[in-house]
Amino acid sequence: MFTGIVAGTGRIVSISGDDVIRLVIDFSMVSTKGLETGASVSVDGVCLTVVEINSPKISFDVIPETLRLTTLGEKIEGHWVNLERALKMGDELGGHLLSGHIMGVGEIVGRTEGEDHLDLLIDCPSDMMKFVQEKGYLAIDGISLTVGKVDDGGFALHLIPETLALTTIGGKQLGEHVNIEVDSMTQTIVSTVERILEERL
């Protein structure tokens, strides 16, 4: 489990393989203390398993399905990604509970930059919009964020300096894609209400 509170960013230093891809990330900006092979790490919101440790370089294997369903399939060497270590008992829950299972990929279709903030408009897959509510929360590339205005095609994000400083989202441009995860509680509530309404009809 994760919280969406990104610990820092890491640079992809190597991508290799033809089917299952070996992804090597430099964790110089994120602590690897106590990290072990088999541990889970959120990489741009995607839960990946550590397969090799040569600190600060940490290796992960990524299967074709993950590459196809998330933005990891678009990454090249030199790209930066958001990193979060798995939640431990006793850790502060500053964001919201996340599994690292990406529900869909959105596209940045609007970008307005201010002196100390950034507003983004995200085009969201239509089948996900029923889970998106104004003032609700989502994980975008592994970042726990509050949703702004919602319309039929997508939703807005209003980003503060702290988020821009600690994550990769400030560098996202028009046409780029982001991973979206809806928290399991919201999914359960919406699905339960739909099921009850169907039964009554």
N, C-alpha and C. Protein backbone atom coordinates (compact mmCIF):
# COMPACT_ATOMS: atom_id res chain seq x y z
N MET A 1 0.84 -1.20 0.00
CA MET A 1 0.00 0.00 0.00
C MET A 1 0.88 1.25 0.00
N PHE A 2 0.32 2.33 -0.58
CA PHE A 2 1.02 3.60 -0.66
C PHE A 2 0.08 4.70 -0.21
N THR A 3 0.62 5.93 -0.10
CA THR A 3 -0.18 7.06 0.36
C THR A 3 -0.33 8.16 -0.68
N GLY A 4 0.46 8.12 -1.72
CA GLY A 4 0.45 9.20 -2.71
C GLY A 4 1.29 10.39 -2.29
N ILE A 5 2.04 10.24 -1.19
CA ILE A 5 2.97 11.28 -0.77
C ILE A 5 4.34 10.91 -1.34
N VAL A 6 4.69 11.48 -2.47
CA VAL A 6 5.90 11.12 -3.20
C VAL A 6 7.14 11.51 -2.40
N ALA A 7 8.07 10.57 -2.28
CA ALA A 7 9.29 10.81 -1.52
C ALA A 7 10.29 11.64 -2.31
N GLY A 8 10.23 11.54 -3.62
CA GLY A 8 11.17 12.25 -4.48
C GLY A 8 11.11 11.66 -5.87
N THR A 9 12.02 12.09 -6.70
CA THR A 9 12.04 11.60 -8.07
C THR A 9 13.32 10.81 -8.35
N GLY A 10 13.25 9.97 -9.35
CA GLY A 10 14.42 9.19 -9.76
C GLY A 10 14.54 9.20 -11.27
N ARG A 11 15.76 9.06 -11.76
CA ARG A 11 15.99 9.08 -13.20
C ARG A 11 16.17 7.66 -13.72
N ILE A 12 15.51 7.35 -14.82
CA ILE A 12 15.67 6.04 -15.46
C ILE A 12 17.03 6.00 -16.15
N VAL A 13 17.90 5.11 -15.71
CA VAL A 13 19.25 5.05 -16.26
C VAL A 13 19.42 3.92 -17.27
N SER A 14 18.50 2.96 -17.26
CA SER A 14 18.64 1.84 -18.20
C SER A 14 17.28 1.18 -18.42
N ILE A 15 17.02 0.85 -19.69
CA ILE A 15 15.84 0.07 -20.07
C ILE A 15 16.32 -1.02 -21.01
N SER A 16 16.08 -2.27 -20.64
CA SER A 16 16.57 -3.37 -21.47
C SER A 16 15.56 -4.51 -21.50
N GLY A 17 15.70 -5.37 -22.50
CA GLY A 17 14.81 -6.52 -22.63
C GLY A 17 13.86 -6.35 -23.78
N ASP A 18 13.31 -7.47 -24.27
CA ASP A 18 12.40 -7.45 -25.40
C ASP A 18 10.95 -7.72 -25.00
N ASP A 19 10.73 -8.56 -24.01
CA ASP A 19 9.39 -8.92 -23.58
C ASP A 19 9.16 -8.33 -22.19
N VAL A 20 9.71 -8.97 -21.18
CA VAL A 20 9.74 -8.37 -19.85
C VAL A 20 10.89 -7.37 -19.82
N ILE A 21 10.60 -6.14 -19.44
CA ILE A 21 11.58 -5.06 -19.50
C ILE A 21 12.25 -4.87 -18.14
N ARG A 22 13.56 -4.79 -18.14
CA ARG A 22 14.31 -4.46 -16.92
C ARG A 22 14.49 -2.95 -16.87
N LEU A 23 13.92 -2.35 -15.84
CA LEU A 23 13.97 -0.91 -15.64
C LEU A 23 14.90 -0.61 -14.47
N VAL A 24 15.94 0.19 -14.70
CA VAL A 24 16.88 0.55 -13.64
C VAL A 24 16.73 2.04 -13.36
N ILE A 25 16.50 2.36 -12.08
CA ILE A 25 16.23 3.75 -11.69
C ILE A 25 17.25 4.19 -10.64
N ASP A 26 17.77 5.40 -10.81
CA ASP A 26 18.69 5.99 -9.85
C ASP A 26 17.90 6.60 -8.70
N PHE A 27 18.10 6.06 -7.50
CA PHE A 27 17.38 6.50 -6.30
C PHE A 27 18.20 7.50 -5.49
N SER A 28 19.09 8.24 -6.11
CA SER A 28 19.96 9.15 -5.35
C SER A 28 19.17 10.15 -4.50
N MET A 29 17.96 10.51 -4.95
CA MET A 29 17.16 11.50 -4.23
C MET A 29 16.17 10.88 -3.24
N VAL A 30 16.13 9.54 -3.20
CA VAL A 30 15.19 8.84 -2.32
C VAL A 30 15.96 7.78 -1.53
N SER A 31 15.71 7.71 -0.25
CA SER A 31 16.43 6.77 0.60
C SER A 31 16.16 5.31 0.21
N THR A 32 17.22 4.52 0.19
CA THR A 32 17.08 3.08 -0.04
C THR A 32 17.37 2.29 1.24
N LYS A 33 17.47 3.00 2.37
CA LYS A 33 17.74 2.33 3.64
C LYS A 33 16.66 1.31 3.95
N GLY A 34 17.06 0.08 4.20
CA GLY A 34 16.13 -0.98 4.54
C GLY A 34 15.41 -1.58 3.34
N LEU A 35 15.67 -1.06 2.15
CA LEU A 35 15.01 -1.60 0.95
C LEU A 35 15.58 -2.98 0.64
N GLU A 36 14.71 -3.94 0.37
CA GLU A 36 15.14 -5.30 0.10
C GLU A 36 14.55 -5.80 -1.21
N THR A 37 15.22 -6.80 -1.79
CA THR A 37 14.67 -7.46 -2.97
C THR A 37 13.30 -8.03 -2.63
N GLY A 38 12.33 -7.80 -3.51
CA GLY A 38 10.96 -8.24 -3.26
C GLY A 38 10.06 -7.17 -2.70
N ALA A 39 10.65 -6.04 -2.30
CA ALA A 39 9.85 -4.94 -1.77
C ALA A 39 9.07 -4.25 -2.88
N SER A 40 7.98 -3.60 -2.52
CA SER A 40 7.17 -2.86 -3.49
C SER A 40 7.54 -1.38 -3.46
N VAL A 41 7.57 -0.79 -4.64
CA VAL A 41 7.84 0.64 -4.79
C VAL A 41 6.85 1.19 -5.82
N SER A 42 6.32 2.36 -5.55
CA SER A 42 5.46 3.04 -6.51
C SER A 42 6.34 3.86 -7.45
N VAL A 43 6.26 3.54 -8.75
CA VAL A 43 7.03 4.25 -9.77
C VAL A 43 6.01 4.93 -10.69
N ASP A 44 5.90 6.25 -10.58
CA ASP A 44 4.85 7.00 -11.29
C ASP A 44 3.48 6.40 -11.01
N GLY A 45 3.30 5.91 -9.79
CA GLY A 45 2.01 5.37 -9.37
C GLY A 45 1.82 3.90 -9.62
N VAL A 46 2.76 3.27 -10.32
CA VAL A 46 2.65 1.85 -10.65
C VAL A 46 3.42 1.03 -9.61
N CYS A 47 2.76 0.08 -9.00
CA CYS A 47 3.41 -0.78 -8.01
C CYS A 47 4.35 -1.75 -8.72
N LEU A 48 5.65 -1.63 -8.45
CA LEU A 48 6.66 -2.52 -9.03
C LEU A 48 7.44 -3.20 -7.91
N THR A 49 7.98 -4.37 -8.23
CA THR A 49 8.74 -5.16 -7.26
C THR A 49 10.23 -5.01 -7.50
N VAL A 50 10.98 -4.75 -6.45
CA VAL A 50 12.43 -4.65 -6.55
C VAL A 50 13.02 -6.02 -6.86
N VAL A 51 13.84 -6.11 -7.92
CA VAL A 51 14.45 -7.38 -8.28
C VAL A 51 15.97 -7.38 -8.09
N GLU A 52 16.56 -6.20 -8.01
CA GLU A 52 18.02 -6.12 -7.79
C GLU A 52 18.36 -4.77 -7.19
N ILE A 53 19.32 -4.77 -6.26
CA ILE A 53 19.73 -3.55 -5.59
C ILE A 53 21.23 -3.35 -5.75
N ASN A 54 21.60 -2.28 -6.42
CA ASN A 54 22.98 -1.82 -6.49
C ASN A 54 22.95 -0.34 -6.15
N SER A 55 22.60 -0.06 -4.89
CA SER A 55 22.30 1.30 -4.46
C SER A 55 23.35 2.30 -4.93
N PRO A 56 22.90 3.43 -5.49
CA PRO A 56 21.51 3.92 -5.52
C PRO A 56 20.70 3.44 -6.73
N LYS A 57 21.23 2.50 -7.51
CA LYS A 57 20.50 2.02 -8.67
C LYS A 57 19.66 0.80 -8.28
N ILE A 58 18.35 0.93 -8.51
CA ILE A 58 17.39 -0.11 -8.14
C ILE A 58 16.73 -0.63 -9.41
N SER A 59 16.64 -1.96 -9.54
CA SER A 59 16.11 -2.58 -10.75
C SER A 59 14.73 -3.18 -10.53
N PHE A 60 13.89 -3.07 -11.56
CA PHE A 60 12.54 -3.62 -11.56
C PHE A 60 12.28 -4.32 -12.88
N ASP A 61 11.50 -5.39 -12.86
CA ASP A 61 11.05 -6.04 -14.09
C ASP A 61 9.60 -5.64 -14.35
N VAL A 62 9.32 -5.23 -15.58
CA VAL A 62 7.98 -4.75 -15.94
C VAL A 62 7.43 -5.64 -17.06
N ILE A 63 6.26 -6.23 -16.81
CA ILE A 63 5.66 -7.15 -17.77
C ILE A 63 4.94 -6.38 -18.87
N PRO A 64 4.69 -7.03 -20.02
CA PRO A 64 4.04 -6.35 -21.16
C PRO A 64 2.71 -5.70 -20.82
N GLU A 65 1.88 -6.35 -20.00
CA GLU A 65 0.57 -5.78 -19.66
C GLU A 65 0.73 -4.44 -18.96
N THR A 66 1.67 -4.35 -18.04
CA THR A 66 1.91 -3.09 -17.33
C THR A 66 2.40 -2.01 -18.30
N LEU A 67 3.28 -2.38 -19.21
CA LEU A 67 3.77 -1.43 -20.20
C LEU A 67 2.63 -0.92 -21.08
N ARG A 68 1.68 -1.79 -21.39
CA ARG A 68 0.57 -1.44 -22.28
C ARG A 68 -0.47 -0.57 -21.59
N LEU A 69 -0.71 -0.81 -20.31
CA LEU A 69 -1.80 -0.15 -19.60
C LEU A 69 -1.40 1.10 -18.83
N THR A 70 -0.11 1.39 -18.77
CA THR A 70 0.37 2.56 -18.03
C THR A 70 1.34 3.36 -18.89
N THR A 71 1.78 4.48 -18.34
CA THR A 71 2.73 5.33 -19.07
C THR A 71 4.15 4.78 -19.05
N LEU A 72 4.40 3.72 -18.29
CA LEU A 72 5.75 3.16 -18.26
C LEU A 72 6.19 2.68 -19.64
N GLY A 73 5.23 2.30 -20.47
CA GLY A 73 5.55 1.87 -21.83
C GLY A 73 6.06 2.99 -22.71
N GLU A 74 5.89 4.25 -22.27
CA GLU A 74 6.34 5.41 -23.04
C GLU A 74 7.69 5.94 -22.57
N LYS A 75 8.20 5.39 -21.50
CA LYS A 75 9.42 5.93 -20.91
C LYS A 75 10.66 5.55 -21.73
N ILE A 76 11.64 6.45 -21.70
CA ILE A 76 12.95 6.19 -22.30
C ILE A 76 14.02 6.53 -21.27
N GLU A 77 15.23 6.09 -21.54
CA GLU A 77 16.33 6.39 -20.63
C GLU A 77 16.49 7.91 -20.48
N GLY A 78 16.67 8.35 -19.24
CA GLY A 78 16.80 9.77 -18.96
C GLY A 78 15.53 10.39 -18.41
N HIS A 79 14.39 9.74 -18.61
CA HIS A 79 13.14 10.25 -18.05
C HIS A 79 13.16 10.17 -16.53
N TRP A 80 12.45 11.11 -15.90
CA TRP A 80 12.33 11.12 -14.45
C TRP A 80 10.96 10.59 -14.04
N VAL A 81 10.91 9.91 -12.90
CA VAL A 81 9.67 9.32 -12.40
C VAL A 81 9.50 9.62 -10.92
N ASN A 82 8.25 9.63 -10.47
CA ASN A 82 7.95 9.82 -9.06
C ASN A 82 8.15 8.50 -8.32
N LEU A 83 8.71 8.57 -7.11
CA LEU A 83 9.00 7.38 -6.33
C LEU A 83 8.39 7.48 -4.93
N GLU A 84 7.81 6.36 -4.49
CA GLU A 84 7.34 6.25 -3.11
C GLU A 84 7.57 4.84 -2.61
N ARG A 85 8.20 4.73 -1.46
CA ARG A 85 8.37 3.42 -0.81
C ARG A 85 7.04 2.98 -0.23
N ALA A 86 6.86 1.67 -0.06
CA ALA A 86 5.62 1.13 0.48
C ALA A 86 5.39 1.61 1.91
N LEU A 87 4.12 1.77 2.25
CA LEU A 87 3.70 2.20 3.58
C LEU A 87 4.04 1.13 4.61
N LYS A 88 4.58 1.58 5.76
CA LYS A 88 4.88 0.67 6.86
C LYS A 88 3.96 0.98 8.04
N MET A 89 3.72 -0.03 8.88
CA MET A 89 2.89 0.18 10.07
C MET A 89 3.50 1.30 10.91
N GLY A 90 2.65 2.24 11.30
CA GLY A 90 3.11 3.35 12.12
C GLY A 90 3.45 4.59 11.33
N ASP A 91 3.54 4.47 9.97
CA ASP A 91 3.82 5.64 9.14
C ASP A 91 2.61 6.57 9.15
N GLU A 92 2.88 7.87 9.01
CA GLU A 92 1.80 8.84 8.91
C GLU A 92 1.11 8.71 7.56
N LEU A 93 -0.23 8.70 7.57
CA LEU A 93 -1.01 8.62 6.34
C LEU A 93 -1.38 10.04 5.93
N GLY A 94 -0.51 10.66 5.13
CA GLY A 94 -0.71 12.06 4.77
C GLY A 94 -1.54 12.26 3.53
N GLY A 95 -1.65 11.23 2.68
CA GLY A 95 -2.43 11.36 1.46
C GLY A 95 -3.69 10.53 1.55
N HIS A 96 -3.80 9.49 0.71
CA HIS A 96 -4.88 8.52 0.84
C HIS A 96 -4.37 7.16 0.41
N LEU A 97 -5.05 6.10 0.84
CA LEU A 97 -4.55 4.76 0.59
C LEU A 97 -4.62 4.41 -0.89
N LEU A 98 -3.51 3.89 -1.41
CA LEU A 98 -3.39 3.52 -2.81
C LEU A 98 -2.79 2.13 -2.93
N SER A 99 -3.15 1.44 -4.00
CA SER A 99 -2.63 0.09 -4.22
C SER A 99 -1.51 0.05 -5.26
N GLY A 100 -1.41 1.11 -6.07
CA GLY A 100 -0.44 1.09 -7.16
C GLY A 100 -0.95 0.36 -8.39
N HIS A 101 -2.27 0.11 -8.44
CA HIS A 101 -2.89 -0.54 -9.59
C HIS A 101 -3.58 0.53 -10.43
N ILE A 102 -2.98 0.89 -11.54
CA ILE A 102 -3.46 1.98 -12.38
C ILE A 102 -4.77 1.61 -13.05
N MET A 103 -5.74 2.51 -12.98
CA MET A 103 -7.06 2.26 -13.55
C MET A 103 -7.17 2.74 -15.00
N GLY A 104 -6.40 3.76 -15.35
CA GLY A 104 -6.45 4.29 -16.70
C GLY A 104 -5.39 5.34 -16.91
N VAL A 105 -5.27 5.79 -18.15
CA VAL A 105 -4.28 6.80 -18.51
C VAL A 105 -5.02 8.02 -19.06
N GLY A 106 -4.67 9.20 -18.56
CA GLY A 106 -5.26 10.45 -19.03
C GLY A 106 -4.27 11.26 -19.83
N GLU A 107 -4.79 12.24 -20.55
CA GLU A 107 -3.94 13.11 -21.38
C GLU A 107 -4.07 14.56 -20.92
N ILE A 108 -2.97 15.27 -20.85
CA ILE A 108 -2.99 16.68 -20.48
C ILE A 108 -3.43 17.49 -21.70
N VAL A 109 -4.60 18.14 -21.56
CA VAL A 109 -5.16 18.90 -22.68
C VAL A 109 -5.22 20.40 -22.38
N GLY A 110 -4.85 20.78 -21.17
CA GLY A 110 -4.82 22.20 -20.81
C GLY A 110 -3.74 22.44 -19.78
N ARG A 111 -3.05 23.58 -19.90
CA ARG A 111 -1.97 23.91 -18.97
C ARG A 111 -1.91 25.42 -18.80
N THR A 112 -2.10 25.88 -17.55
CA THR A 112 -2.02 27.31 -17.26
C THR A 112 -1.06 27.50 -16.10
N GLU A 113 0.03 28.20 -16.36
CA GLU A 113 1.08 28.37 -15.35
C GLU A 113 1.03 29.76 -14.76
N GLY A 114 1.00 29.84 -13.43
CA GLY A 114 1.03 31.11 -12.73
C GLY A 114 2.38 31.32 -12.07
N GLU A 115 2.48 32.37 -11.28
CA GLU A 115 3.75 32.70 -10.63
C GLU A 115 4.16 31.62 -9.63
N ASP A 116 3.20 31.07 -8.90
CA ASP A 116 3.52 30.08 -7.89
C ASP A 116 2.54 28.90 -7.91
N HIS A 117 1.92 28.66 -9.06
CA HIS A 117 1.01 27.52 -9.16
C HIS A 117 0.93 27.05 -10.61
N LEU A 118 0.34 25.89 -10.77
CA LEU A 118 0.12 25.33 -12.10
C LEU A 118 -1.24 24.65 -12.13
N ASP A 119 -2.04 24.99 -13.15
CA ASP A 119 -3.33 24.34 -13.34
C ASP A 119 -3.25 23.45 -14.57
N LEU A 120 -3.72 22.21 -14.42
CA LEU A 120 -3.73 21.27 -15.53
C LEU A 120 -5.16 20.78 -15.76
N LEU A 121 -5.49 20.57 -17.03
CA LEU A 121 -6.75 19.96 -17.40
C LEU A 121 -6.46 18.58 -17.97
N ILE A 122 -7.07 17.56 -17.38
CA ILE A 122 -6.80 16.17 -17.76
C ILE A 122 -8.00 15.59 -18.49
N ASP A 123 -7.77 15.09 -19.69
CA ASP A 123 -8.80 14.35 -20.42
C ASP A 123 -8.77 12.92 -19.88
N CYS A 124 -9.89 12.47 -19.34
CA CYS A 124 -9.96 11.20 -18.63
C CYS A 124 -10.78 10.19 -19.41
N PRO A 125 -10.39 8.92 -19.41
CA PRO A 125 -11.22 7.89 -20.06
C PRO A 125 -12.66 7.94 -19.55
N SER A 126 -13.62 7.85 -20.47
CA SER A 126 -15.03 8.04 -20.12
C SER A 126 -15.52 7.05 -19.06
N ASP A 127 -15.00 5.83 -19.09
CA ASP A 127 -15.48 4.83 -18.13
C ASP A 127 -14.99 5.09 -16.71
N MET A 128 -14.06 6.04 -16.56
CA MET A 128 -13.56 6.38 -15.22
C MET A 128 -14.24 7.60 -14.62
N MET A 129 -14.93 8.38 -15.47
CA MET A 129 -15.45 9.66 -15.00
C MET A 129 -16.48 9.52 -13.88
N LYS A 130 -17.18 8.39 -13.80
CA LYS A 130 -18.16 8.21 -12.73
C LYS A 130 -17.50 8.16 -11.35
N PHE A 131 -16.19 7.92 -11.32
CA PHE A 131 -15.47 7.87 -10.04
C PHE A 131 -14.85 9.21 -9.66
N VAL A 132 -14.92 10.19 -10.57
CA VAL A 132 -14.22 11.47 -10.37
C VAL A 132 -15.21 12.52 -9.88
N GLN A 133 -14.93 13.12 -8.73
CA GLN A 133 -15.80 14.12 -8.14
C GLN A 133 -15.01 15.36 -7.77
N GLU A 134 -15.64 16.53 -7.95
CA GLU A 134 -15.01 17.77 -7.53
C GLU A 134 -14.73 17.73 -6.03
N LYS A 135 -13.53 18.10 -5.65
CA LYS A 135 -13.04 18.07 -4.27
C LYS A 135 -12.78 16.66 -3.77
N GLY A 136 -12.96 15.67 -4.63
CA GLY A 136 -12.54 14.32 -4.28
C GLY A 136 -11.04 14.19 -4.54
N TYR A 137 -10.52 12.98 -4.43
CA TYR A 137 -9.09 12.83 -4.66
C TYR A 137 -8.79 11.65 -5.58
N LEU A 138 -7.67 11.83 -6.28
CA LEU A 138 -7.15 10.82 -7.20
C LEU A 138 -5.65 10.75 -7.03
N ALA A 139 -5.06 9.68 -7.52
CA ALA A 139 -3.60 9.63 -7.63
C ALA A 139 -3.25 9.83 -9.09
N ILE A 140 -2.44 10.83 -9.35
CA ILE A 140 -1.96 11.13 -10.70
C ILE A 140 -0.45 10.91 -10.72
N ASP A 141 -0.01 9.92 -11.50
CA ASP A 141 1.41 9.53 -11.50
C ASP A 141 1.91 9.28 -10.08
N GLY A 142 1.03 8.70 -9.26
CA GLY A 142 1.40 8.34 -7.89
C GLY A 142 1.29 9.45 -6.88
N ILE A 143 0.80 10.63 -7.30
CA ILE A 143 0.68 11.79 -6.41
C ILE A 143 -0.76 11.91 -5.94
N SER A 144 -0.98 11.96 -4.64
CA SER A 144 -2.31 12.16 -4.10
C SER A 144 -2.72 13.61 -4.31
N LEU A 145 -3.78 13.83 -5.12
CA LEU A 145 -4.19 15.18 -5.47
C LEU A 145 -5.70 15.36 -5.33
N THR A 146 -6.10 16.59 -5.03
CA THR A 146 -7.51 16.93 -4.94
C THR A 146 -8.01 17.37 -6.31
N VAL A 147 -9.17 16.89 -6.68
CA VAL A 147 -9.76 17.20 -7.99
C VAL A 147 -10.40 18.58 -7.95
N GLY A 148 -10.18 19.37 -9.01
CA GLY A 148 -10.84 20.65 -9.15
C GLY A 148 -12.14 20.47 -9.92
N LYS A 149 -12.44 21.39 -10.80
CA LYS A 149 -13.69 21.34 -11.57
C LYS A 149 -13.74 20.09 -12.44
N VAL A 150 -14.93 19.50 -12.54
CA VAL A 150 -15.15 18.29 -13.33
C VAL A 150 -16.17 18.59 -14.43
N ASP A 151 -15.89 18.14 -15.66
CA ASP A 151 -16.90 18.21 -16.71
C ASP A 151 -16.98 16.86 -17.41
N ASP A 152 -17.74 16.78 -18.48
CA ASP A 152 -17.97 15.49 -19.13
C ASP A 152 -16.69 14.86 -19.67
N GLY A 153 -15.73 15.68 -20.04
CA GLY A 153 -14.53 15.14 -20.69
C GLY A 153 -13.34 14.94 -19.78
N GLY A 154 -13.38 15.51 -18.59
CA GLY A 154 -12.20 15.38 -17.74
C GLY A 154 -12.31 16.22 -16.48
N PHE A 155 -11.15 16.59 -15.94
CA PHE A 155 -11.13 17.31 -14.67
C PHE A 155 -9.89 18.18 -14.59
N ALA A 156 -9.95 19.14 -13.68
CA ALA A 156 -8.85 20.08 -13.48
C ALA A 156 -8.07 19.73 -12.22
N LEU A 157 -6.79 20.08 -12.23
CA LEU A 157 -5.92 19.95 -11.07
C LEU A 157 -5.28 21.30 -10.79
N HIS A 158 -5.21 21.68 -9.52
CA HIS A 158 -4.57 22.94 -9.12
C HIS A 158 -3.39 22.58 -8.22
N LEU A 159 -2.19 22.81 -8.73
CA LEU A 159 -0.97 22.30 -8.09
C LEU A 159 -0.21 23.41 -7.37
N ILE A 160 0.19 23.11 -6.13
CA ILE A 160 0.90 24.07 -5.29
C ILE A 160 2.41 23.91 -5.47
N PRO A 161 3.19 24.91 -5.05
CA PRO A 161 4.65 24.86 -5.22
C PRO A 161 5.31 23.62 -4.64
N GLU A 162 4.84 23.15 -3.46
CA GLU A 162 5.46 21.98 -2.83
C GLU A 162 5.35 20.75 -3.72
N THR A 163 4.17 20.55 -4.31
CA THR A 163 3.97 19.42 -5.20
C THR A 163 4.84 19.55 -6.45
N LEU A 164 4.92 20.76 -6.98
CA LEU A 164 5.72 20.99 -8.18
C LEU A 164 7.21 20.76 -7.91
N ALA A 165 7.65 21.08 -6.69
CA ALA A 165 9.07 20.94 -6.35
C ALA A 165 9.48 19.50 -6.13
N LEU A 166 8.57 18.66 -5.61
CA LEU A 166 8.93 17.30 -5.20
C LEU A 166 8.59 16.22 -6.21
N THR A 167 7.84 16.58 -7.25
CA THR A 167 7.39 15.57 -8.21
C THR A 167 7.70 15.98 -9.64
N THR A 168 7.35 15.13 -10.57
CA THR A 168 7.61 15.40 -11.99
C THR A 168 6.48 16.15 -12.67
N ILE A 169 5.37 16.35 -12.00
CA ILE A 169 4.18 16.83 -12.69
C ILE A 169 4.32 18.24 -13.26
N GLY A 170 5.17 19.04 -12.66
CA GLY A 170 5.37 20.40 -13.16
C GLY A 170 5.99 20.45 -14.54
N GLY A 171 6.66 19.38 -14.92
CA GLY A 171 7.30 19.34 -16.23
C GLY A 171 6.42 18.76 -17.32
N LYS A 172 5.22 18.32 -16.98
CA LYS A 172 4.32 17.72 -17.96
C LYS A 172 3.79 18.78 -18.92
N GLN A 173 3.78 18.43 -20.21
CA GLN A 173 3.34 19.37 -21.24
C GLN A 173 2.08 18.86 -21.92
N LEU A 174 1.46 19.71 -22.73
CA LEU A 174 0.26 19.34 -23.47
C LEU A 174 0.51 18.09 -24.31
N GLY A 175 -0.43 17.16 -24.26
CA GLY A 175 -0.32 15.94 -25.03
C GLY A 175 0.35 14.79 -24.29
N GLU A 176 1.02 15.08 -23.16
CA GLU A 176 1.65 14.01 -22.39
C GLU A 176 0.58 13.26 -21.59
N HIS A 177 0.94 12.04 -21.21
CA HIS A 177 0.00 11.17 -20.51
C HIS A 177 0.37 11.01 -19.03
N VAL A 178 -0.66 10.71 -18.23
CA VAL A 178 -0.45 10.48 -16.80
C VAL A 178 -1.23 9.23 -16.37
N ASN A 179 -0.69 8.54 -15.38
CA ASN A 179 -1.37 7.39 -14.79
C ASN A 179 -2.41 7.88 -13.78
N ILE A 180 -3.58 7.24 -13.80
CA ILE A 180 -4.65 7.62 -12.88
C ILE A 180 -5.07 6.40 -12.06
N GLU A 181 -5.11 6.57 -10.74
CA GLU A 181 -5.65 5.54 -9.86
C GLU A 181 -6.75 6.13 -9.00
N VAL A 182 -7.91 5.51 -9.03
CA VAL A 182 -9.02 5.88 -8.15
C VAL A 182 -8.91 5.00 -6.91
N ASP A 183 -9.09 5.60 -5.72
CA ASP A 183 -8.96 4.80 -4.50
C ASP A 183 -10.07 3.75 -4.43
N SER A 184 -9.75 2.65 -3.79
CA SER A 184 -10.65 1.49 -3.77
C SER A 184 -11.97 1.79 -3.06
N MET A 185 -11.96 2.69 -2.07
CA MET A 185 -13.20 3.00 -1.36
C MET A 185 -14.21 3.68 -2.30
N THR A 186 -13.72 4.62 -3.10
CA THR A 186 -14.60 5.29 -4.06
C THR A 186 -15.13 4.29 -5.08
N GLN A 187 -14.25 3.41 -5.57
CA GLN A 187 -14.70 2.41 -6.52
C GLN A 187 -15.79 1.52 -5.92
N THR A 188 -15.60 1.11 -4.67
CA THR A 188 -16.57 0.23 -4.01
C THR A 188 -17.91 0.92 -3.81
N ILE A 189 -17.89 2.18 -3.37
CA ILE A 189 -19.13 2.91 -3.14
C ILE A 189 -19.91 3.08 -4.43
N VAL A 190 -19.23 3.53 -5.49
CA VAL A 190 -19.91 3.76 -6.76
C VAL A 190 -20.47 2.45 -7.32
N SER A 191 -19.68 1.39 -7.28
CA SER A 191 -20.13 0.10 -7.80
C SER A 191 -21.31 -0.45 -7.00
N THR A 192 -21.30 -0.26 -5.67
CA THR A 192 -22.39 -0.73 -4.82
C THR A 192 -23.68 0.02 -5.12
N VAL A 193 -23.58 1.34 -5.25
CA VAL A 193 -24.76 2.15 -5.57
C VAL A 193 -25.32 1.75 -6.93
N GLU A 194 -24.46 1.54 -7.92
CA GLU A 194 -24.92 1.11 -9.25
C GLU A 194 -25.65 -0.23 -9.17
N ARG A 195 -25.11 -1.15 -8.41
CA ARG A 195 -25.71 -2.48 -8.29
C ARG A 195 -27.08 -2.40 -7.62
N ILE A 196 -27.19 -1.60 -6.57
CA ILE A 196 -28.47 -1.46 -5.85
C ILE A 196 -29.52 -0.83 -6.75
N LEU A 197 -29.12 0.20 -7.52
CA LEU A 197 -30.07 0.86 -8.42
C LEU A 197 -30.54 -0.09 -9.51
N GLU A 198 -29.62 -0.90 -10.02
CA GLU A 198 -29.99 -1.87 -11.06
C GLU A 198 -30.99 -2.90 -10.52
N GLU A 199 -30.75 -3.34 -9.28
CA GLU A 199 -31.65 -4.33 -8.68
C GLU A 199 -33.05 -3.76 -8.47
N ARG A 200 -33.11 -2.47 -8.08
CA ARG A 200 -34.41 -1.84 -7.81
C ARG A 200 -35.17 -1.54 -9.10
N LEU A 201 -34.42 -1.35 -10.19
CA LEU A 201 -35.07 -1.08 -11.47
C LEU A 201 -35.47 -2.37 -12.17
